[in-house]
Amino acid sequence: QVQLVESGGGLVQAGGSLRLSCAASGRTVSAYAMGWFRAAPGKEREFVAAIKWNGGSTDYADSVKGRFTISRDNAKNTVNLQMNSLKPEDTAVYYCARDRLQTRSVLSRTTTNFDSWGQGTQVTVSS
């Protein structure tokens, strides 16, 4: 069983930046795609970004494309999300997740394709 722990959330003004980190323990995540999702108050969890198991490709929601960057360090069993030019609408709890299939060839945006989740980290962007 893999455990995922997110960190790096906080309160930031609009236009600012935050860097989220996801540390995996228990099992390596190097053979799995990893994703970031978020849930705003009263809204369903939505896809933010994903990265292939080998870092060879990435995918972003249109709402964050050009502002957020996902990366991974398989040697350290970590995944990061660099968030720049933050907007109040980015306010949410951000979750790290591991794909349920090893070496998936096409990145997924569907929550049901991710079977291990962290507890989330709060990001609040003030206007």
Foldseek 3Di string as FASTA:
>chain_A
DKAKAKDFADEEAAQAKIKMKIAIDPDFLLQWKKFKWWDDVPGDIFGAKIAFSPRPDMDGDPVQPPFKDWDDDRVRSMIMIIGGRDDQVVWTWMKMFTFPDTRDPDDDGDPVRTDYIYPTDTHGYHD
